[in-house]
Protein backbone atom coordinates (compact mmCIF):
# COMPACT_ATOMS: atom_id res chain seq x y z
CA MET A 1 -14.62 0.87 46.43
CA VAL A 2 -13.02 -1.56 43.95
CA PRO A 3 -13.75 -0.94 40.25
CA PRO A 4 -15.35 -3.91 38.43
CA GLN A 5 -12.98 -6.04 36.43
CA SER A 6 -13.30 -5.99 32.66
CA THR A 7 -14.55 -9.20 31.07
CA GLN A 8 -12.58 -8.47 27.89
CA ASN A 9 -9.21 -9.20 29.52
CA ARG A 10 -9.54 -12.92 30.18
CA ARG A 11 -5.84 -13.60 29.97
CA GLY A 12 -4.19 -13.95 33.28
CA PRO A 13 -0.89 -12.26 34.02
CA GLY A 14 1.08 -15.41 33.09
CA THR A 15 -0.78 -16.33 29.87
CA PRO A 16 1.38 -15.67 26.81
CA VAL A 17 0.01 -13.84 23.76
CA VAL A 18 1.20 -16.72 21.55
CA SER A 19 -1.67 -18.89 22.76
CA LEU A 20 -4.10 -16.55 20.99
CA THR A 21 -2.12 -16.02 17.78
CA VAL A 22 -1.57 -19.71 16.91
CA PRO A 23 -5.28 -20.46 16.26
CA ILE A 24 -5.63 -17.23 14.31
CA LEU A 25 -2.62 -18.05 12.14
CA ARG A 26 -3.90 -21.59 11.62
CA TYR A 27 -7.29 -20.21 10.57
CA LEU A 28 -5.73 -17.72 8.13
CA LEU A 29 -3.44 -20.36 6.65
CA THR A 30 -6.38 -22.74 6.20
CA ARG A 31 -8.43 -20.06 4.48
CA LEU A 32 -5.55 -19.19 2.16
CA LEU A 33 -5.02 -22.85 1.27
CA TYR A 34 -8.73 -23.28 0.51
CA MET A 35 -8.59 -20.17 -1.68
CA VAL A 36 -6.21 -21.82 -4.18
CA PRO A 37 -8.58 -24.53 -5.54
CA VAL A 38 -11.56 -22.18 -5.45
CA LEU A 39 -9.69 -19.56 -7.45
CA TRP A 40 -8.51 -22.21 -9.92
CA LEU A 41 -12.06 -23.45 -10.36
CA VAL A 42 -13.45 -19.95 -10.95
CA VAL A 43 -10.74 -19.11 -13.49
CA SER A 44 -11.31 -22.42 -15.30
CA VAL A 45 -15.08 -21.98 -15.50
CA VAL A 46 -14.76 -18.41 -16.80
CA PHE A 47 -12.17 -19.52 -19.36
CA LEU A 48 -14.40 -22.33 -20.59
CA LEU A 49 -17.45 -20.08 -20.76
CA ILE A 50 -15.59 -17.49 -22.80
CA HIS A 51 -14.22 -20.04 -25.26
CA LEU A 52 -17.14 -22.45 -25.52
CA VAL A 53 -20.11 -20.11 -25.63
CA SER A 54 -21.59 -19.74 -29.08
CA GLY A 55 -21.00 -16.50 -30.88
CA ASP A 56 -18.04 -14.53 -32.06
CA PRO A 57 -16.62 -11.75 -29.88
CA VAL A 58 -15.58 -9.77 -32.97
CA THR A 59 -19.15 -9.83 -34.23
CA GLN A 60 -20.29 -8.64 -30.81
CA MET A 61 -17.76 -5.79 -30.90
CA LEU A 62 -18.31 -4.65 -34.49
CA GLY A 63 -21.96 -5.58 -34.94
CA GLU A 64 -23.53 -7.92 -37.46
CA ASP A 65 -23.51 -5.29 -40.21
CA ALA A 66 -19.71 -4.92 -40.24
CA ALA A 67 -17.77 -5.65 -43.42
CA SER A 68 -16.10 -9.03 -43.59
CA ALA A 69 -12.70 -7.41 -44.23
CA ASN A 70 -12.98 -5.49 -40.94
CA MET A 71 -14.05 -8.65 -39.14
CA ARG A 72 -11.07 -10.61 -40.52
CA ARG A 73 -8.69 -7.80 -39.60
CA HIS A 74 -9.99 -7.69 -36.02
CA CYS A 75 -9.90 -11.49 -35.73
CA ASN A 76 -6.25 -11.49 -36.79
CA GLN A 77 -5.42 -8.57 -34.50
CA LEU A 78 -7.09 -10.18 -31.47
CA LEU A 79 -5.75 -13.65 -32.38
CA TRP A 80 -9.21 -15.25 -32.18
CA ASN A 81 -8.40 -17.50 -35.12
CA ALA A 82 -5.18 -18.81 -33.49
CA LYS A 83 -5.05 -21.90 -31.32
CA ILE A 84 -5.62 -21.29 -27.63
CA THR A 85 -2.15 -22.57 -26.78
CA ARG A 86 -0.46 -20.21 -29.25
CA ARG A 87 -2.31 -17.00 -28.40
CA GLN A 88 -0.30 -14.13 -27.12
CA ARG A 89 -1.39 -10.95 -25.46
CA ALA A 90 -3.07 -9.02 -28.25
CA PRO A 91 -2.64 -5.27 -28.54
CA PRO A 92 -5.76 -3.21 -27.84
CA VAL A 93 -7.98 -2.46 -30.81
């Protein structure tokens, strides 16, 4: 009695493995290339939302009852009063 042949092995004995890997590599490369503009768009939207939304992050952190001297000190420490192009990585509060 001959065992039934598996339907999973559709490659014949002379079919190279490369014929299966080229479409997979093309698919992965396409997905990676599409990821670049999507990632740029997401980063840009988040950046704009953070910088254009009304409200002050220092006020959110310290509360509205905080002293103005503390608020100024935290603004200077976090560089919120500097231009966006001149900001550097601020040390943690």
